[in-house]
Every structure is written in structure tokens, then in C-alpha cells.
Amino acid sequence: MVIFDANFLLLLLDPSVDIPGDPATGQSLLRARDRVEHLISTLSQQRETIGIPTPVVGEILVHAGPAGPNYLAAIEVAAMTAAAIGGGGNKKSTSGAPWQKVKIDRQIVAIGAIDRATTIYTDDQSVIKLAKRAGITAVSSWEIPLPPEDPQGRLDI
């Protein structure tokens, strides 16, 4: 199982979404939607399950219009928060982000951990750090390869 974050799904679903920047070049990522479509195709061929945590669904629905139900992975999130406090810090740990963002990021990773996700696809640096701490691989959009070129090419008119 792999997990998709909202920014990955929005690259696929919303043509007006902001394209992430490639940290190597500082430029907008080329063919971001093509990369996500190719990733989904590859994962489908591998018969990999793609998980979409409810907080991600909520973010997607906000962009789409009506809000959806909110699901909490309360036990896992509480464990993450307790670990942050127990580590000599505060509930936000080392994050400088607002508490609401810290909670949502933890929920996304917690759902992935509970469902034994092997990978979380996200461009959010906070989610990447949390995923790594939870032993889950994090992959960003700029790390996804471009799909192979069609040997027939296509004629754009």
C-alpha cells in the first residue's frame, strides 16, 4: 500500500492547481500531471493499493466545493503527540508550522502507518519528515519519472 497526499491528487484532478517547484532547478516541475498519471498506471500494473487518508479527501473536497466528513486516526496521532512531548519538546515537536497543520500532517502519516503503507507521495516537507520518522518512504512529485515517450508520437492540431 502507498498513500497519496492532497498535492499529488490535485495535480491529477485540478488543472488550475499550483505546480510544485523542482528543488534542483527552482522552476515549476515539467509535466507534473503526466508524472502522476504514469505513477498511477505503474502502481495499477503492480496491483498496488493506493490509500487516500480522509484528511486528504477533506482537502480535495474543499477545493472541489462541499466539505466531506473528517476522519481522525486519533490513537496514532495521540502517540505521535505524546512522543513529541515526551522527547523534551512541546506538542509541535520541532515544527514551526501552526498546530492545525501539524495535526493534519500527523493524521496523514498516522493513517499510512496504521494501514502499513510503504510509501507516501507528497511534496509537503513536514509530511516527508514525519513519514521518515514512521519508517515510511516519502516520494515527491519531482522524483517521479516521466512516462516513456510514445514511439508513434502524436499530432497536436
C-alpha atoms as a PDB file:
ATOM      1  CA  MET A   1       0.000   0.000   0.000  1.00  0.00           C
ATOM      2  CA  VAL A   2       1.057   3.544  -0.746  1.00  0.00           C
ATOM      3  CA  ILE A   3      -0.515   6.807   0.398  1.00  0.00           C
ATOM      4  CA  PHE A   4      -1.254   9.873  -1.733  1.00  0.00           C
ATOM      5  CA  ASP A   5      -1.259  13.344  -0.209  1.00  0.00           C
ATOM      6  CA  ALA A   6      -3.596  16.073  -1.454  1.00  0.00           C
ATOM      7  CA  ASN A   7      -0.980  17.808  -3.566  1.00  0.00           C
ATOM      8  CA  PHE A   8      -0.499  14.637  -5.629  1.00  0.00           C
ATOM      9  CA  LEU A   9      -4.216  14.141  -6.187  1.00  0.00           C
ATOM     10  CA  LEU A  10      -4.769  17.782  -7.039  1.00  0.00           C
ATOM     11  CA  LEU A  11      -2.053  17.553  -9.712  1.00  0.00           C
ATOM     12  CA  LEU A  12      -4.229  14.893 -11.291  1.00  0.00           C
ATOM     13  CA  LEU A  13      -7.679  16.349 -10.641  1.00  0.00           C
ATOM     14  CA  ASP A  14      -7.337  20.120 -10.833  1.00  0.00           C
ATOM     15  CA  PRO A  15      -5.676  21.702 -13.885  1.00  0.00           C
ATOM     16  CA  SER A  16      -5.513  25.077 -12.097  1.00  0.00           C
ATOM     17  CA  VAL A  17      -3.563  23.789  -9.080  1.00  0.00           C
ATOM     18  CA  ASP A  18      -0.150  25.300  -8.382  1.00  0.00           C
ATOM     19  CA  ILE A  19       2.605  23.140  -9.847  1.00  0.00           C
ATOM     20  CA  PRO A  20       5.315  22.331  -7.291  1.00  0.00           C
ATOM     21  CA  GLY A  21       8.811  23.618  -7.830  1.00  0.00           C
ATOM     22  CA  ASP A  22      11.713  21.313  -8.548  1.00  0.00           C
ATOM     23  CA  PRO A  23      14.189  21.970  -5.723  1.00  0.00           C
ATOM     24  CA  ALA A  24      17.112  21.199  -8.028  1.00  0.00           C
ATOM     25  CA  THR A  25      16.205  23.932 -10.532  1.00  0.00           C
ATOM     26  CA  GLY A  26      13.785  26.207  -8.704  1.00  0.00           C
ATOM     27  CA  GLN A  27      11.498  26.015 -11.742  1.00  0.00           C
ATOM     28  CA  SER A  28       7.968  24.624 -11.886  1.00  0.00           C
ATOM     29  CA  LEU A  29       8.009  20.888 -12.374  1.00  0.00           C
ATOM     30  CA  LEU A  30       7.634  19.934 -16.031  1.00  0.00           C
ATOM     31  CA  ARG A  31       4.715  17.675 -16.923  1.00  0.00           C
ATOM     32  CA  ALA A  32       3.661  17.181 -13.295  1.00  0.00           C
ATOM     33  CA  ARG A  33       0.270  15.717 -14.240  1.00  0.00           C
ATOM     34  CA  ASP A  34       1.903  13.280 -16.695  1.00  0.00           C
ATOM     35  CA  ARG A  35       4.208  12.097 -13.910  1.00  0.00           C
ATOM     36  CA  VAL A  36       1.308  11.401 -11.535  1.00  0.00           C
ATOM     37  CA  GLU A  37      -0.724   9.651 -14.254  1.00  0.00           C
ATOM     38  CA  HIS A  38       2.296   7.488 -15.104  1.00  0.00           C
ATOM     39  CA  LEU A  39       2.823   6.691 -11.414  1.00  0.00           C
ATOM     40  CA  ILE A  40      -0.809   5.608 -11.013  1.00  0.00           C
ATOM     41  CA  SER A  41      -0.555   3.466 -14.128  1.00  0.00           C
ATOM     42  CA  THR A  42       2.621   1.831 -12.837  1.00  0.00           C
ATOM     43  CA  LEU A  43       1.127   1.212  -9.388  1.00  0.00           C
ATOM     44  CA  SER A  44      -2.007  -0.252 -11.007  1.00  0.00           C
ATOM     45  CA  GLN A  45       0.094  -2.640 -13.082  1.00  0.00           C
ATOM     46  CA  GLN A  46       1.860  -3.700  -9.876  1.00  0.00           C
ATOM     47  CA  ARG A  47      -1.574  -4.177  -8.280  1.00  0.00           C
ATOM     48  CA  GLU A  48      -0.527  -1.791  -5.506  1.00  0.00           C
ATOM     49  CA  THR A  49      -3.231  -0.333  -3.289  1.00  0.00           C
ATOM     50  CA  ILE A  50      -3.360   3.460  -3.199  1.00  0.00           C
ATOM     51  CA  GLY A  51      -4.641   4.812   0.109  1.00  0.00           C
ATOM     52  CA  ILE A  52      -6.158   8.254   0.384  1.00  0.00           C
ATOM     53  CA  PRO A  53      -6.451   9.340   4.026  1.00  0.00           C
ATOM     54  CA  THR A  54      -9.673  11.061   4.928  1.00  0.00           C
ATOM     55  CA  PRO A  55      -7.912  14.353   5.770  1.00  0.00           C
ATOM     56  CA  VAL A  56      -6.633  14.306   2.197  1.00  0.00           C
ATOM     57  CA  VAL A  57     -10.146  13.655   0.920  1.00  0.00           C
ATOM     58  CA  GLY A  58     -11.259  16.626   3.017  1.00  0.00           C
ATOM     59  CA  GLU A  59      -8.635  18.866   1.423  1.00  0.00           C
ATOM     60  CA  ILE A  60      -9.649  17.678  -2.029  1.00  0.00           C
ATOM     61  CA  LEU A  61     -13.330  18.304  -1.324  1.00  0.00           C
ATOM     62  CA  VAL A  62     -12.577  21.819  -0.100  1.00  0.00           C
ATOM     63  CA  HIS A  63     -11.031  22.539  -3.489  1.00  0.00           C
ATOM     64  CA  ALA A  64     -13.980  20.841  -5.185  1.00  0.00           C
ATOM     65  CA  GLY A  65     -16.660  22.667  -3.245  1.00  0.00           C
ATOM     66  CA  PRO A  66     -18.575  20.931  -0.450  1.00  0.00           C
ATOM     67  CA  ALA A  67     -16.606  19.657   2.520  1.00  0.00           C
ATOM     68  CA  GLY A  68     -16.563  15.953   3.386  1.00  0.00           C
ATOM     69  CA  PRO A  69     -16.564  14.090   6.676  1.00  0.00           C
ATOM     70  CA  ASN A  70     -13.498  14.277   8.831  1.00  0.00           C
ATOM     71  CA  TYR A  71     -11.855  11.070   9.997  1.00  0.00           C
ATOM     72  CA  LEU A  72      -9.265  11.010  12.739  1.00  0.00           C
ATOM     73  CA  ALA A  73      -6.598   8.389  13.367  1.00  0.00           C
ATOM     74  CA  ALA A  74      -6.833   9.513  16.991  1.00  0.00           C
ATOM     75  CA  ILE A  75      -4.753   6.797  18.632  1.00  0.00           C
ATOM     76  CA  GLU A  76      -1.786   7.079  16.296  1.00  0.00           C
ATOM     77  CA  VAL A  77      -1.886  10.884  16.286  1.00  0.00           C
ATOM     78  CA  ALA A  78      -2.030  10.891  20.091  1.00  0.00           C
ATOM     79  CA  ALA A  79       1.012   8.602  20.157  1.00  0.00           C
ATOM     80  CA  MET A  80       2.915  10.963  17.853  1.00  0.00           C
ATOM     81  CA  THR A  81       1.977  13.943  20.002  1.00  0.00           C
ATOM     82  CA  ALA A  82       2.903  12.108  23.223  1.00  0.00           C
ATOM     83  CA  ALA A  83       6.262  11.188  21.690  1.00  0.00           C
ATOM     84  CA  ALA A  84       6.868  14.835  20.784  1.00  0.00           C
ATOM     85  CA  ILE A  85       6.074  15.967  24.330  1.00  0.00           C
ATOM     86  CA  GLY A  86       7.978  13.063  25.900  1.00  0.00           C
ATOM     87  CA  GLY A  87      11.035  13.893  23.818  1.00  0.00           C
ATOM     88  CA  GLY A  88      11.510  17.057  25.857  1.00  0.00           C
ATOM     89  CA  GLY A  89       9.697  19.274  23.395  1.00  0.00           C
ATOM     90  CA  ASN A  90       6.214  20.588  23.056  1.00  0.00           C
ATOM     91  CA  LYS A  91       3.282  19.074  21.187  1.00  0.00           C
ATOM     92  CA  LYS A  92       4.539  20.514  17.885  1.00  0.00           C
ATOM     93  CA  SER A  93       7.970  18.894  18.366  1.00  0.00           C
ATOM     94  CA  THR A  94      10.485  20.767  16.198  1.00  0.00           C
ATOM     95  CA  SER A  95       7.923  22.008  13.682  1.00  0.00           C
ATOM     96  CA  GLY A  96       7.483  25.734  13.287  1.00  0.00           C
ATOM     97  CA  ALA A  97       4.173  25.194  11.490  1.00  0.00           C
ATOM     98  CA  PRO A  98       0.826  26.149  13.033  1.00  0.00           C
ATOM     99  CA  TRP A  99      -0.618  23.494  15.325  1.00  0.00           C
ATOM    100  CA  GLN A 100      -3.534  22.753  12.955  1.00  0.00           C
ATOM    101  CA  LYS A 101      -1.103  21.889  10.139  1.00  0.00           C
ATOM    102  CA  VAL A 102       0.987  19.716  12.471  1.00  0.00           C
ATOM    103  CA  LYS A 103      -2.166  17.793  13.458  1.00  0.00           C
ATOM    104  CA  ILE A 104      -3.280  17.222   9.861  1.00  0.00           C
ATOM    105  CA  ASP A 105       0.201  16.140   8.762  1.00  0.00           C
ATOM    106  CA  ARG A 106       0.329  13.671  11.658  1.00  0.00           C
ATOM    107  CA  GLN A 107      -3.101  12.311  10.726  1.00  0.00           C
ATOM    108  CA  ILE A 108      -1.974  11.641   7.165  1.00  0.00           C
ATOM    109  CA  VAL A 109       1.136   9.785   8.329  1.00  0.00           C
ATOM    110  CA  ALA A 110      -0.749   8.007  11.129  1.00  0.00           C
ATOM    111  CA  ILE A 111      -3.299   6.633   8.688  1.00  0.00           C
ATOM    112  CA  GLY A 112      -0.451   5.433   6.486  1.00  0.00           C
ATOM    113  CA  ALA A 113       1.257   3.774   9.481  1.00  0.00           C
ATOM    114  CA  ILE A 114      -1.941   2.094  10.648  1.00  0.00           C
ATOM    115  CA  ASP A 115      -2.622   0.780   7.147  1.00  0.00           C
ATOM    116  CA  ARG A 116       1.016  -0.353   6.791  1.00  0.00           C
ATOM    117  CA  ALA A 117       1.724   1.941   3.856  1.00  0.00           C
ATOM    118  CA  THR A 118       5.158   1.526   2.341  1.00  0.00           C
ATOM    119  CA  THR A 119       5.211   4.926   0.645  1.00  0.00           C
ATOM    120  CA  ILE A 120       3.572   8.332   0.998  1.00  0.00           C
ATOM    121  CA  TYR A 121       3.564  10.516  -2.107  1.00  0.00           C
ATOM    122  CA  THR A 122       3.769  14.138  -1.016  1.00  0.00           C
ATOM    123  CA  ASP A 123       5.531  17.407  -1.728  1.00  0.00           C
ATOM    124  CA  ASP A 124       4.938  18.641   1.839  1.00  0.00           C
ATOM    125  CA  GLN A 125       8.271  18.748   3.698  1.00  0.00           C
ATOM    126  CA  SER A 126       6.583  18.275   7.101  1.00  0.00           C
ATOM    127  CA  VAL A 127       4.812  15.131   5.901  1.00  0.00           C
ATOM    128  CA  ILE A 128       8.110  13.873   4.437  1.00  0.00           C
ATOM    129  CA  LYS A 129       9.870  14.266   7.811  1.00  0.00           C
ATOM    130  CA  LEU A 130       7.034  12.585   9.717  1.00  0.00           C
ATOM    131  CA  ALA A 131       6.869   9.727   7.213  1.00  0.00           C
ATOM    132  CA  LYS A 132      10.604   9.075   7.533  1.00  0.00           C
ATOM    133  CA  ARG A 133      10.293   9.029  11.332  1.00  0.00           C
ATOM    134  CA  ALA A 134       7.469   6.499  10.995  1.00  0.00           C
ATOM    135  CA  GLY A 135       9.599   4.310   8.721  1.00  0.00           C
ATOM    136  CA  ILE A 136       7.570   5.118   5.617  1.00  0.00           C
ATOM    137  CA  THR A 137       9.277   6.108   2.383  1.00  0.00           C
ATOM    138  CA  ALA A 138       8.299   9.565   1.140  1.00  0.00           C
ATOM    139  CA  VAL A 139       8.428  10.381  -2.570  1.00  0.00           C
ATOM    140  CA  SER A 140       7.910  13.847  -4.051  1.00  0.00           C
ATOM    141  CA  SER A 141       6.472  14.710  -7.462  1.00  0.00           C
ATOM    142  CA  TRP A 142       9.863  15.740  -8.839  1.00  0.00           C
ATOM    143  CA  GLU A 143      11.207  12.274  -8.011  1.00  0.00           C
ATOM    144  CA  ILE A 144       8.638  10.513 -10.198  1.00  0.00           C
ATOM    145  CA  PRO A 145       9.976   9.662 -13.635  1.00  0.00           C
ATOM    146  CA  LEU A 146       8.319  10.976 -16.745  1.00  0.00           C
ATOM    147  CA  PRO A 147       6.285   8.450 -18.700  1.00  0.00           C
ATOM    148  CA  PRO A 148       8.046   6.899 -21.681  1.00  0.00           C
ATOM    149  CA  GLU A 149       7.551   8.717 -24.942  1.00  0.00           C
ATOM    150  CA  ASP A 150       5.063   7.170 -27.359  1.00  0.00           C
ATOM    151  CA  PRO A 151       7.130   5.755 -30.246  1.00  0.00           C
ATOM    152  CA  GLN A 152       4.298   6.741 -32.620  1.00  0.00           C
ATOM    153  CA  GLY A 153       4.285  10.294 -31.348  1.00  0.00           C
ATOM    154  CA  ARG A 154       1.141  12.359 -31.559  1.00  0.00           C
ATOM    155  CA  LEU A 155      -0.033  15.130 -33.760  1.00  0.00           C
ATOM    156  CA  ASP A 156      -1.316  18.155 -31.870  1.00  0.00           C
ATOM    157  CA  ILE A 157      -3.603  20.210 -34.031  1.00  0.00           C
END
